[in-house]
Amino acid sequence: MNFHLDIIEDKIEFFEADNLRTLEKKINEQIDINKGIFLGVYSVSHQMAISDNGRPYFTAVVHFKAKNR
């Protein structure tokens, strides 16, 4: 039986929330999870839009990359 593990080198994740505090919390939780598989934050991009009901809507894209060994 052959057992082979591939190392994740890049991972992109998308987040959304109704307020910045919640968005930040979601991102920080995922950062802690990804530290366990040796991924660090490479870049973050975020936007804010107004929804149909006039409330702000926040989104973010976080690019995780493997840490140097």
C-alpha atoms as a PDB file:
ATOM      1  CA  MET A   1       0.000   0.000   0.000  1.00  0.00           C
ATOM      2  CA  ASN A   2       1.408   3.389  -1.018  1.00  0.00           C
ATOM      3  CA  PHE A   3       0.694   6.422   1.098  1.00  0.00           C
ATOM      4  CA  HIS A   4       1.492   9.827  -0.344  1.00  0.00           C
ATOM      5  CA  LEU A   5       0.938  13.258   1.202  1.00  0.00           C
ATOM      6  CA  ASP A   6       0.879  16.436  -0.861  1.00  0.00           C
ATOM      7  CA  ILE A   7       1.772  19.712   0.778  1.00  0.00           C
ATOM      8  CA  ILE A   8      -0.653  22.569   0.279  1.00  0.00           C
ATOM      9  CA  GLU A   9       1.373  25.514  -0.976  1.00  0.00           C
ATOM     10  CA  ASP A  10      -1.381  28.005  -1.856  1.00  0.00           C
ATOM     11  CA  LYS A  11      -4.928  28.413  -0.616  1.00  0.00           C
ATOM     12  CA  ILE A  12      -7.427  31.165  -1.346  1.00  0.00           C
ATOM     13  CA  GLU A  13     -10.451  31.674   0.894  1.00  0.00           C
ATOM     14  CA  PHE A  14     -13.457  33.967   0.614  1.00  0.00           C
ATOM     15  CA  PHE A  15     -15.294  35.595   3.513  1.00  0.00           C
ATOM     16  CA  GLU A  16     -18.465  37.667   3.877  1.00  0.00           C
ATOM     17  CA  ALA A  17     -20.233  39.425   6.742  1.00  0.00           C
ATOM     18  CA  ASP A  18     -22.675  42.180   7.612  1.00  0.00           C
ATOM     19  CA  ASN A  19     -20.104  44.133   9.627  1.00  0.00           C
ATOM     20  CA  LEU A  20     -16.338  44.547   9.840  1.00  0.00           C
ATOM     21  CA  ARG A  21     -16.039  43.065  13.326  1.00  0.00           C
ATOM     22  CA  THR A  22     -17.626  39.776  12.212  1.00  0.00           C
ATOM     23  CA  LEU A  23     -15.544  39.694   9.031  1.00  0.00           C
ATOM     24  CA  GLU A  24     -12.342  40.208  11.011  1.00  0.00           C
ATOM     25  CA  LYS A  25     -13.330  37.476  13.463  1.00  0.00           C
ATOM     26  CA  LYS A  26     -13.962  34.971  10.649  1.00  0.00           C
ATOM     27  CA  ILE A  27     -10.619  35.765   9.019  1.00  0.00           C
ATOM     28  CA  ASN A  28      -8.687  35.516  12.314  1.00  0.00           C
ATOM     29  CA  GLU A  29     -10.272  32.142  13.098  1.00  0.00           C
ATOM     30  CA  GLN A  30      -9.213  30.810   9.698  1.00  0.00           C
ATOM     31  CA  ILE A  31      -5.697  32.212  10.121  1.00  0.00           C
ATOM     32  CA  ASP A  32      -5.353  30.192  13.341  1.00  0.00           C
ATOM     33  CA  ILE A  33      -6.625  27.041  11.595  1.00  0.00           C
ATOM     34  CA  ASN A  34      -4.264  27.476   8.647  1.00  0.00           C
ATOM     35  CA  LYS A  35      -1.267  27.944  10.950  1.00  0.00           C
ATOM     36  CA  GLY A  36      -1.747  24.268  11.810  1.00  0.00           C
ATOM     37  CA  ILE A  37      -0.988  23.318   8.207  1.00  0.00           C
ATOM     38  CA  PHE A  38       1.893  25.807   7.954  1.00  0.00           C
ATOM     39  CA  LEU A  39       0.116  28.415   5.847  1.00  0.00           C
ATOM     40  CA  GLY A  40       0.533  32.125   6.471  1.00  0.00           C
ATOM     41  CA  VAL A  41      -1.285  35.131   5.073  1.00  0.00           C
ATOM     42  CA  TYR A  42       0.237  36.308   1.802  1.00  0.00           C
ATOM     43  CA  SER A  43      -2.328  38.965   0.860  1.00  0.00           C
ATOM     44  CA  VAL A  44      -5.764  40.278   1.779  1.00  0.00           C
ATOM     45  CA  SER A  45      -8.248  42.092  -0.430  1.00  0.00           C
ATOM     46  CA  HIS A  46     -11.543  43.455   0.836  1.00  0.00           C
ATOM     47  CA  GLN A  47     -14.568  45.370  -0.410  1.00  0.00           C
ATOM     48  CA  MET A  48     -17.693  46.983   0.953  1.00  0.00           C
ATOM     49  CA  ALA A  49     -20.959  47.295  -0.936  1.00  0.00           C
ATOM     50  CA  ILE A  50     -24.446  48.468  -0.092  1.00  0.00           C
ATOM     51  CA  SER A  51     -27.101  45.732  -0.251  1.00  0.00           C
ATOM     52  CA  ASP A  52     -30.588  46.194  -1.682  1.00  0.00           C
ATOM     53  CA  ASN A  53     -31.951  47.102   1.744  1.00  0.00           C
ATOM     54  CA  GLY A  54     -29.345  49.852   2.204  1.00  0.00           C
ATOM     55  CA  ARG A  55     -27.139  47.991   4.673  1.00  0.00           C
ATOM     56  CA  PRO A  56     -23.380  47.606   4.200  1.00  0.00           C
ATOM     57  CA  TYR A  57     -22.066  44.228   3.082  1.00  0.00           C
ATOM     58  CA  PHE A  58     -18.387  43.313   3.535  1.00  0.00           C
ATOM     59  CA  THR A  59     -16.362  40.718   1.650  1.00  0.00           C
ATOM     60  CA  ALA A  60     -12.723  39.662   1.747  1.00  0.00           C
ATOM     61  CA  VAL A  61     -10.379  37.362  -0.140  1.00  0.00           C
ATOM     62  CA  VAL A  62      -7.378  36.007   1.753  1.00  0.00           C
ATOM     63  CA  HIS A  63      -4.486  34.305  -0.044  1.00  0.00           C
ATOM     64  CA  PHE A  64      -2.578  31.897   2.183  1.00  0.00           C
ATOM     65  CA  LYS A  65       0.880  30.624   1.190  1.00  0.00           C
ATOM     66  CA  ALA A  66       3.161  27.994   2.653  1.00  0.00           C
ATOM     67  CA  LYS A  67       5.650  29.340   5.152  1.00  0.00           C
ATOM     68  CA  ASN A  68       9.342  28.933   4.415  1.00  0.00           C
ATOM     69  CA  ARG A  69      10.852  25.946   6.136  1.00  0.00           C
END
